[in-house]
PDB file of N, CA and C in Angstrom:
ATOM      1  N   MET A   1       0.854  -1.190   0.000  1.00  0.00           N
ATOM      2  CA  MET A   1       0.000   0.000   0.000  1.00  0.00           C
ATOM      3  C   MET A   1       0.889   1.239   0.000  1.00  0.00           C
ATOM      4  N   TYR A   2       0.557   2.155  -0.871  1.00  0.00           N
ATOM      5  CA  TYR A   2       1.330   3.384  -0.941  1.00  0.00           C
ATOM      6  C   TYR A   2       0.439   4.574  -0.618  1.00  0.00           C
ATOM      7  N   LYS A   3       1.001   5.555  -0.018  1.00  0.00           N
ATOM      8  CA  LYS A   3       0.259   6.753   0.350  1.00  0.00           C
ATOM      9  C   LYS A   3       0.952   7.963  -0.252  1.00  0.00           C
ATOM     10  N   THR A   4       0.173   8.851  -0.864  1.00  0.00           N
ATOM     11  CA  THR A   4       0.766  10.077  -1.394  1.00  0.00           C
ATOM     12  C   THR A   4       1.063  10.995  -0.227  1.00  0.00           C
ATOM     13  N   VAL A   5       2.303  11.363  -0.072  1.00  0.00           N
ATOM     14  CA  VAL A   5       2.653  12.223   1.051  1.00  0.00           C
ATOM     15  C   VAL A   5       2.937  13.653   0.626  1.00  0.00           C
ATOM     16  N   TYR A   6       3.398  13.863  -0.567  1.00  0.00           N
ATOM     17  CA  TYR A   6       3.556  15.235  -1.029  1.00  0.00           C
ATOM     18  C   TYR A   6       3.716  15.285  -2.531  1.00  0.00           C
ATOM     19  N   LYS A   7       3.354  16.389  -3.085  1.00  0.00           N
ATOM     20  CA  LYS A   7       3.561  16.669  -4.507  1.00  0.00           C
ATOM     21  C   LYS A   7       4.707  17.665  -4.591  1.00  0.00           C
ATOM     22  N   ILE A   8       5.597  17.431  -5.512  1.00  0.00           N
ATOM     23  CA  ILE A   8       6.769  18.288  -5.595  1.00  0.00           C
ATOM     24  C   ILE A   8       6.948  18.842  -7.002  1.00  0.00           C
ATOM     25  N   THR A   9       7.646  19.921  -7.076  1.00  0.00           N
ATOM     26  CA  THR A   9       8.169  20.416  -8.346  1.00  0.00           C
ATOM     27  C   THR A   9       9.634  20.007  -8.387  1.00  0.00           C
ATOM     28  N   LEU A  10      10.000  19.315  -9.438  1.00  0.00           N
ATOM     29  CA  LEU A  10      11.351  18.789  -9.515  1.00  0.00           C
ATOM     30  C   LEU A  10      12.325  19.813 -10.072  1.00  0.00           C
ATOM     31  N   THR A  11      13.393  20.010  -9.351  1.00  0.00           N
ATOM     32  CA  THR A  11      14.548  20.712  -9.908  1.00  0.00           C
ATOM     33  C   THR A  11      15.561  19.628 -10.231  1.00  0.00           C
ATOM     34  N   LYS A  12      16.609  19.991 -10.918  1.00  0.00           N
ATOM     35  CA  LYS A  12      17.610  18.986 -11.249  1.00  0.00           C
ATOM     36  C   LYS A  12      18.182  18.350  -9.977  1.00  0.00           C
ATOM     37  N   ALA A  13      18.439  19.181  -8.975  1.00  0.00           N
ATOM     38  CA  ALA A  13      19.000  18.670  -7.720  1.00  0.00           C
ATOM     39  C   ALA A  13      18.017  17.737  -7.008  1.00  0.00           C
ATOM     40  N   SER A  14      16.739  18.149  -6.930  1.00  0.00           N
ATOM     41  CA  SER A  14      15.784  17.301  -6.221  1.00  0.00           C
ATOM     42  C   SER A  14      15.503  16.030  -7.007  1.00  0.00           C
ATOM     43  N   TYR A  15      15.561  16.116  -8.332  1.00  0.00           N
ATOM     44  CA  TYR A  15      15.373  14.918  -9.164  1.00  0.00           C
ATOM     45  C   TYR A  15      16.405  13.864  -8.799  1.00  0.00           C
ATOM     46  N   TYR A  16      17.652  14.251  -8.769  1.00  0.00           N
ATOM     47  CA  TYR A  16      18.696  13.278  -8.449  1.00  0.00           C
ATOM     48  C   TYR A  16      18.592  12.798  -7.014  1.00  0.00           C
ATOM     49  N   TYR A  17      18.245  13.674  -6.099  1.00  0.00           N
ATOM     50  CA  TYR A  17      18.101  13.285  -4.700  1.00  0.00           C
ATOM     51  C   TYR A  17      16.988  12.255  -4.543  1.00  0.00           C
ATOM     52  N   ILE A  18      15.844  12.558  -5.117  1.00  0.00           N
ATOM     53  CA  ILE A  18      14.695  11.667  -4.955  1.00  0.00           C
ATOM     54  C   ILE A  18      14.935  10.311  -5.608  1.00  0.00           C
ATOM     55  N   PHE A  19      15.425  10.298  -6.828  1.00  0.00           N
ATOM     56  CA  PHE A  19      15.551   9.028  -7.513  1.00  0.00           C
ATOM     57  C   PHE A  19      16.776   8.249  -7.082  1.00  0.00           C
ATOM     58  N   ALA A  20      17.696   8.895  -6.396  1.00  0.00           N
ATOM     59  CA  ALA A  20      18.801   8.160  -5.805  1.00  0.00           C
ATOM     60  C   ALA A  20      18.363   7.519  -4.495  1.00  0.00           C
ATOM     61  N   SER A  21      17.384   8.124  -3.818  1.00  0.00           N
ATOM     62  CA  SER A  21      17.023   7.656  -2.487  1.00  0.00           C
ATOM     63  C   SER A  21      15.722   6.855  -2.451  1.00  0.00           C
ATOM     64  N   MET A  22      14.988   6.815  -3.562  1.00  0.00           N
ATOM     65  CA  MET A  22      13.745   6.051  -3.603  1.00  0.00           C
ATOM     66  C   MET A  22      13.710   5.210  -4.859  1.00  0.00           C
ATOM     67  N   GLU A  23      12.984   4.131  -4.802  1.00  0.00           N
ATOM     68  CA  GLU A  23      12.767   3.362  -6.009  1.00  0.00           C
ATOM     69  C   GLU A  23      11.840   4.153  -6.920  1.00  0.00           C
ATOM     70  N   LEU A  24      12.061   4.024  -8.218  1.00  0.00           N
ATOM     71  CA  LEU A  24      11.284   4.804  -9.175  1.00  0.00           C
ATOM     72  C   LEU A  24       9.785   4.540  -9.055  1.00  0.00           C
ATOM     73  N   LYS A  25       9.417   3.322  -8.653  1.00  0.00           N
ATOM     74  CA  LYS A  25       7.988   3.005  -8.570  1.00  0.00           C
ATOM     75  C   LYS A  25       7.283   3.828  -7.499  1.00  0.00           C
ATOM     76  N   TYR A  26       8.041   4.475  -6.613  1.00  0.00           N
ATOM     77  CA  TYR A  26       7.421   5.326  -5.595  1.00  0.00           C
ATOM     78  C   TYR A  26       6.953   6.654  -6.175  1.00  0.00           C
ATOM     79  N   ALA A  27       7.429   6.988  -7.362  1.00  0.00           N
ATOM     80  CA  ALA A  27       7.066   8.268  -7.969  1.00  0.00           C
ATOM     81  C   ALA A  27       6.039   8.016  -9.071  1.00  0.00           C
ATOM     82  N   LYS A  28       4.939   8.705  -8.998  1.00  0.00           N
ATOM     83  CA  LYS A  28       3.870   8.535  -9.981  1.00  0.00           C
ATOM     84  C   LYS A  28       3.534   9.875 -10.605  1.00  0.00           C
ATOM     85  N   ASN A  29       2.811   9.822 -11.705  1.00  0.00           N
ATOM     86  CA  ASN A  29       2.352  11.039 -12.384  1.00  0.00           C
ATOM     87  C   ASN A  29       3.511  11.979 -12.723  1.00  0.00           C
ATOM     88  N   LEU A  30       4.586  11.386 -13.201  1.00  0.00           N
ATOM     89  CA  LEU A  30       5.720  12.208 -13.614  1.00  0.00           C
ATOM     90  C   LEU A  30       5.316  13.044 -14.810  1.00  0.00           C
ATOM     91  N   LYS A  31       5.620  14.322 -14.758  1.00  0.00           N
ATOM     92  CA  LYS A  31       5.301  15.213 -15.866  1.00  0.00           C
ATOM     93  C   LYS A  31       6.589  15.822 -16.395  1.00  0.00           C
ATOM     94  N   LYS A  32       6.651  15.956 -17.706  1.00  0.00           N
ATOM     95  CA  LYS A  32       7.844  16.512 -18.334  1.00  0.00           C
ATOM     96  C   LYS A  32       7.526  17.861 -18.960  1.00  0.00           C
ATOM     97  N   ASP A  33       8.537  18.711 -19.005  1.00  0.00           N
ATOM     98  CA  ASP A  33       8.357  19.983 -19.697  1.00  0.00           C
ATOM     99  C   ASP A  33       8.680  19.799 -21.188  1.00  0.00           C
ATOM    100  N   SER A  34       8.656  20.873 -21.940  1.00  0.00           N
ATOM    101  CA  SER A  34       8.835  20.795 -23.392  1.00  0.00           C
ATOM    102  C   SER A  34      10.232  20.319 -23.799  1.00  0.00           C
ATOM    103  N   LYS A  35      11.183  20.422 -22.880  1.00  0.00           N
ATOM    104  CA  LYS A  35      12.544  19.960 -23.163  1.00  0.00           C
ATOM    105  C   LYS A  35      12.744  18.501 -22.762  1.00  0.00           C
ATOM    106  N   GLY A  36      11.710  17.883 -22.206  1.00  0.00           N
ATOM    107  CA  GLY A  36      11.810  16.484 -21.824  1.00  0.00           C
ATOM    108  C   GLY A  36      12.338  16.265 -20.423  1.00  0.00           C
ATOM    109  N   ASN A  37      12.466  17.351 -19.658  1.00  0.00           N
ATOM    110  CA  ASN A  37      12.921  17.215 -18.276  1.00  0.00           C
ATOM    111  C   ASN A  37      11.730  16.973 -17.369  1.00  0.00           C
ATOM    112  N   TYR A  38      11.945  16.157 -16.356  1.00  0.00           N
ATOM    113  CA  TYR A  38      10.873  15.957 -15.379  1.00  0.00           C
ATOM    114  C   TYR A  38      10.648  17.255 -14.616  1.00  0.00           C
ATOM    115  N   LYS A  39       9.407  17.656 -14.469  1.00  0.00           N
ATOM    116  CA  LYS A  39       9.145  18.909 -13.759  1.00  0.00           C
ATOM    117  C   LYS A  39       8.295  18.733 -12.517  1.00  0.00           C
ATOM    118  N   SER A  40       7.505  17.666 -12.443  1.00  0.00           N
ATOM    119  CA  SER A  40       6.727  17.444 -11.230  1.00  0.00           C
ATOM    120  C   SER A  40       6.412  15.968 -11.092  1.00  0.00           C
ATOM    121  N   ALA A  41       6.080  15.581  -9.873  1.00  0.00           N
ATOM    122  CA  ALA A  41       5.758  14.187  -9.606  1.00  0.00           C
ATOM    123  C   ALA A  41       5.000  14.095  -8.299  1.00  0.00           C
ATOM    124  N   ASP A  42       4.171  13.065  -8.201  1.00  0.00           N
ATOM    125  CA  ASP A  42       3.568  12.727  -6.917  1.00  0.00           C
ATOM    126  C   ASP A  42       4.449  11.641  -6.308  1.00  0.00           C
ATOM    127  N   ILE A  43       4.933  11.891  -5.124  1.00  0.00           N
ATOM    128  CA  ILE A  43       5.832  10.947  -4.475  1.00  0.00           C
ATOM    129  C   ILE A  43       5.050  10.095  -3.488  1.00  0.00           C
ATOM    130  N   TYR A  44       5.229   8.805  -3.596  1.00  0.00           N
ATOM    131  CA  TYR A  44       4.537   7.872  -2.724  1.00  0.00           C
ATOM    132  C   TYR A  44       5.551   7.220  -1.788  1.00  0.00           C
ATOM    133  N   LEU A  45       5.187   7.118  -0.544  1.00  0.00           N
ATOM    134  CA  LEU A  45       6.024   6.384   0.403  1.00  0.00           C
ATOM    135  C   LEU A  45       5.235   5.193   0.917  1.00  0.00           C
ATOM    136  N   ARG A  46       5.939   4.120   1.189  1.00  0.00           N
ATOM    137  CA  ARG A  46       5.288   2.920   1.688  1.00  0.00           C
ATOM    138  C   ARG A  46       4.693   3.203   3.066  1.00  0.00           C
ATOM    139  N   ALA A  47       3.443   2.857   3.228  1.00  0.00           N
ATOM    140  CA  ALA A  47       2.777   3.076   4.521  1.00  0.00           C
ATOM    141  C   ALA A  47       3.265   2.040   5.527  1.00  0.00           C
ATOM    142  N   ASN A  48       3.481   2.479   6.733  1.00  0.00           N
ATOM    143  CA  ASN A  48       3.934   1.554   7.781  1.00  0.00           C
ATOM    144  C   ASN A  48       2.753   0.844   8.416  1.00  0.00           C
TER     145      ASN A  48
END
């Protein structure tokens, strides 16, 4: 079971931080800008 805990706007720094520290499946609804960069995502954390 996953719970949405926050929605973020991705910067290059936060992109690398998040995807280095979480499995990609925890991030849903990834949106890209016109240059193909990720710009936002809903981050899911495993519920305890």
